[in-house]
Amino acid sequence: MKRAGILNRHLAGALAELGHGDGVLVCDVGMPIPPGPRVVDLAFRAGVPAFAEVLDGLLEELVVEGALAAEEVDAANPAAAALLRHRLADLGPGLQLVPHARLKELTAGARLVVRTGEARPYANVLLRCGVFF
């Protein structure tokens, strides 16, 4: 058994398969998930695990070179907007915002979807994997 890091075997395995440029959608329980991407559903009950906890864990494991969120997050979920801006502040382009409809379209091209138990709207972000060298 792993001693530290991500213990969920499905998530750990999916992360190990990611490559440069692959997309990882971290989403709330209300985000529609299109057919295609591999899905690791961590939702246990409303709010568990929280979006922030899952995002923090993924950011410890991944190299991220870009991130997209819905522009509606500012008005609909200011806490999630602040969290995303703070956690992704070190990215070169920073957090980019697109209309929610466009974010949903782009999820079809993601390689992995990680569904959290978050039950607040617009707690979603599409991460683009980078490389460590």
Protein backbone atom coordinates (compact mmCIF):
# COMPACT_ATOMS: atom_id res chain seq x y z
CA MET A 1 0.00 0.00 0.00
CA LYS A 2 1.22 3.49 -0.83
CA ARG A 3 2.33 5.48 2.17
CA ALA A 4 1.55 8.95 0.86
CA GLY A 5 0.12 10.85 -2.08
CA ILE A 6 -3.05 9.77 -3.84
CA LEU A 7 -4.25 6.44 -2.48
CA ASN A 8 -7.25 5.89 -4.77
CA ARG A 9 -5.92 3.24 -7.13
CA HIS A 10 -8.09 4.32 -10.05
CA LEU A 11 -6.97 7.93 -9.78
CA ALA A 12 -3.30 7.08 -9.18
CA GLY A 13 -3.28 4.83 -12.25
CA ALA A 14 -5.04 7.39 -14.43
CA LEU A 15 -2.59 10.13 -13.42
CA ALA A 16 0.37 7.89 -14.24
CA GLU A 17 -0.92 7.51 -17.80
CA LEU A 18 -1.18 11.25 -18.52
CA GLY A 19 1.18 12.99 -20.89
CA HIS A 20 2.07 16.48 -22.01
CA GLY A 21 -0.96 18.40 -23.20
CA ASP A 22 -3.54 15.98 -21.81
CA GLY A 23 -6.60 17.53 -20.20
CA VAL A 24 -7.89 16.74 -16.71
CA LEU A 25 -11.32 18.04 -15.75
CA VAL A 26 -11.88 18.44 -12.01
CA CYS A 27 -15.60 18.96 -11.57
CA ASP A 28 -18.52 19.27 -9.21
CA VAL A 29 -21.37 16.76 -9.04
CA GLY A 30 -23.51 18.79 -11.45
CA MET A 31 -21.10 19.00 -14.39
CA PRO A 32 -22.32 16.88 -17.31
CA ILE A 33 -19.70 14.30 -18.23
CA PRO A 34 -19.51 13.45 -21.93
CA PRO A 35 -18.75 9.96 -23.16
CA GLY A 36 -15.11 9.46 -23.98
CA PRO A 37 -12.83 10.56 -21.15
CA ARG A 38 -11.85 8.16 -18.39
CA VAL A 39 -13.86 9.05 -15.26
CA VAL A 40 -12.75 8.67 -11.66
CA ASP A 41 -15.74 9.47 -9.50
CA LEU A 42 -14.67 10.38 -5.97
CA ALA A 43 -18.08 11.75 -4.89
CA PHE A 44 -19.16 10.17 -1.62
CA ARG A 45 -21.90 12.58 -0.56
CA ALA A 46 -22.72 16.23 -1.14
CA GLY A 47 -19.57 18.18 -0.38
CA VAL A 48 -17.34 15.15 0.19
CA PRO A 49 -14.68 15.29 -1.02
CA ALA A 50 -14.58 19.04 -1.50
CA PHE A 51 -13.42 20.55 -4.77
CA ALA A 52 -10.56 22.35 -2.97
CA GLU A 53 -9.25 19.13 -1.41
CA VAL A 54 -9.24 17.26 -4.70
CA LEU A 55 -7.70 20.15 -6.62
CA ASP A 56 -4.93 20.53 -4.03
CA GLY A 57 -4.16 16.82 -4.16
CA LEU A 58 -4.00 16.83 -7.95
CA LEU A 59 -1.79 19.92 -8.03
CA GLU A 60 0.68 18.09 -5.75
CA GLU A 61 0.83 15.21 -8.24
CA LEU A 62 0.68 16.95 -11.64
CA VAL A 63 2.68 19.47 -13.59
CA VAL A 64 0.09 21.92 -14.92
CA GLU A 65 0.80 24.41 -17.70
CA GLY A 66 -2.68 25.80 -18.27
CA ALA A 67 -6.16 25.95 -16.77
CA LEU A 68 -9.65 26.88 -17.97
CA ALA A 69 -12.74 27.62 -15.93
CA ALA A 70 -16.18 29.02 -16.70
CA GLU A 71 -16.38 32.81 -16.72
CA GLU A 72 -19.65 32.47 -14.80
CA VAL A 73 -17.71 31.28 -11.74
CA ASP A 74 -17.04 34.87 -10.63
CA ALA A 75 -20.73 35.66 -10.15
CA ALA A 76 -22.12 32.21 -9.32
CA ASN A 77 -19.40 30.92 -6.98
CA PRO A 78 -16.96 33.64 -5.85
CA ALA A 79 -15.31 31.25 -3.37
CA ALA A 80 -14.40 28.82 -6.16
CA ALA A 81 -13.20 31.70 -8.34
CA ALA A 82 -10.90 32.94 -5.57
CA LEU A 83 -9.64 29.42 -4.89
CA LEU A 84 -8.82 28.81 -8.55
CA ARG A 85 -7.05 32.13 -8.98
CA HIS A 86 -5.01 31.57 -5.82
CA ARG A 87 -4.05 27.93 -6.50
CA LEU A 88 -3.25 28.55 -10.18
CA ALA A 89 -1.53 31.93 -9.82
CA ASP A 90 1.90 30.50 -10.68
CA LEU A 91 0.85 29.25 -14.11
CA GLY A 92 2.39 31.15 -17.00
CA PRO A 93 -0.91 32.26 -18.56
CA GLY A 94 -2.76 32.00 -15.24
CA LEU A 95 -6.36 30.92 -15.12
CA GLN A 96 -8.22 31.53 -18.36
CA LEU A 97 -11.99 31.96 -18.38
CA VAL A 98 -14.36 30.81 -21.13
CA PRO A 99 -18.16 30.62 -21.32
CA HIS A 100 -19.53 27.61 -19.44
CA ALA A 101 -20.97 26.19 -22.67
CA ARG A 102 -17.47 26.24 -24.19
CA LEU A 103 -15.96 24.59 -21.11
CA LYS A 104 -18.52 21.78 -21.42
CA GLU A 105 -17.57 21.35 -25.11
CA LEU A 106 -13.87 21.14 -24.23
CA THR A 107 -14.45 18.42 -21.63
CA ALA A 108 -15.06 15.97 -24.47
CA GLY A 109 -11.37 16.29 -25.35
CA ALA A 110 -10.18 15.69 -21.79
CA ARG A 111 -8.30 12.49 -21.12
CA LEU A 112 -9.49 12.26 -17.52
CA VAL A 113 -12.47 13.53 -15.51
CA VAL A 114 -12.22 13.62 -11.72
CA ARG A 115 -15.65 14.12 -10.16
CA THR A 116 -15.66 15.55 -6.65
CA GLY A 117 -18.52 15.68 -4.18
CA GLU A 118 -18.69 19.48 -4.49
CA ALA A 119 -22.30 20.65 -4.58
CA ARG A 120 -21.75 24.35 -5.32
CA PRO A 121 -22.13 25.50 -8.95
CA TYR A 122 -19.22 26.15 -11.29
CA ALA A 123 -16.61 24.39 -9.14
CA ASN A 124 -14.97 23.05 -12.30
CA VAL A 125 -11.57 23.47 -13.90
CA LEU A 126 -9.93 21.93 -16.94
CA LEU A 127 -6.19 21.48 -16.31
CA ARG A 128 -3.67 21.02 -19.14
CA CYS A 129 -0.75 18.78 -18.19
CA GLY A 130 2.79 20.01 -18.59
CA VAL A 131 6.14 18.29 -18.26
CA PHE A 132 8.58 18.38 -15.36
CA PHE A 133 11.68 19.20 -17.43
